[in-house]
Amino acid sequence: MVANRLAVFYSITGAKEYHASMELVVDKFVSAKEQLQLLENAVKELSESLQEDGLSLVWKRFFVSDAINQSRFLNKTDAEAMSIVQQPPLSGFKATVLVYFVEDAQMATLTDNTVVMKRPGYEHFFHAQMHERAGDVSHQTQQIFNRYCDSLSQNGCSLEKNCIRTWIYVQNVDVQYAGMVVARRELFEREGLTPKTHFIASTGIEGRHIHPESLVVMDAYAVSNLKPGQVRFLKAPAHLNPTHEYGVTFERGTVVEYGDRRHVFISGTASINNKGEVVHPLDIEKQTVHTFNNVKALLAEADAGMDDVVHMIVYLRDIADYHTVNRYIEQHYITIPHVVVLAPVCRPGWLVEVECMAIVHAENKQYMNF
């Protein structure tokens, strides 16, 4: 009924991490309620199975075809973070899900959509579905980031020092993206994030919330107690240019070093060159290859490769390109937990975008274990 792809990271000295993608394999005429219940049941079964090994469900992200109506079929417990984004899965079903589990994790709820995962050395903050329901896209972006910064501050963190990753979903991205970009840049400058310091790994892309008047929705991930030098940023300058050169403010990738491992977060990456130009316009096959080459270049800068990737999200602008891109994934990366969804990228010329996370064994005695 549900097919799982699972990536497991084992550490002799630290916690296990499990990442999984879950995709339905039932008749596509099954109702939305039944499809969502099947996915929820699969998450519950996997969670109960992993609980026996001491793992806790930390995060689940549902990609759905109709967030307003389908969200009523999804349930959040008091522990994990949950995100629902309208980015229709291109498998033909109404929903798919990514889930994340961690061993020996103490989970606590801060607000309805914010949870903290406590480990011996760090607290990991997962903010989900931050949104505003009034004003234009610029105002909503400002309000979301203001509330996020306040929440971080209340927990002894800041945007500059502790935020590792954001996902920003913009309704009608071809029209609204520019307003989000300007508002984010202004807030970043206020918070001390500039081209001379650093930005944050991010994906900014088409997506809708359960409230149609919410033009911007943001998920975010932050980590407390980070030391200077523990976080670094990936550039791959032979393949990509700094994002600020074409007016946006995010890092191509971010690395967090722990005592026993390295987390690598690759931002939404497309078919671009180091001059900021779209490569292979209108050619989905060549764009797909070039996009993955850029991803691999960023990973290599972190001493990682596609074999270390624990999950990835593939975004397509055109539903008709699904079979071409999915064939490429099945030929090269079929074992990696992944989802392929319909979500136009921030620049119309980009037909495909890929983001991912990788985990690599490392020994960094100057830092505490994950």
Foldseek 3Di string as FASTA:
>chain_A
DKDKFWDWDDFPPFKIKIKIKIDDDDPQPPDLLVVLVVQVVVVVVVQVVCVVVQKHWAEKEKAFQAAQPNVVSDDDDQFYAYEYKDFAFLVSHGMMMMTMIMGPWDWHHPDPHWIWTDDPQKIKIKGYFQFDQDDALLVTLLVSVVVVQVVQVVVVHGQQPWWAEKEKAFAPLQPRVVSNQVSVVVVCVVRPDDPVRAFHAYAYWHIAHSRNSTRMTMITMTMPDADPPQKDAFDLLQFAAQPVVVPGGYTQKMWGDAQWKIKIWGHWFWQAGNVGDHPPFPDVLVGLVSRQVVVQSRQVVVVHGLVQWQEKEKEFQDSVCVVVNVVVCVVPPVSHRYTYTYIQGNDNRTGMIMITMGMGTDHDPVHHHD
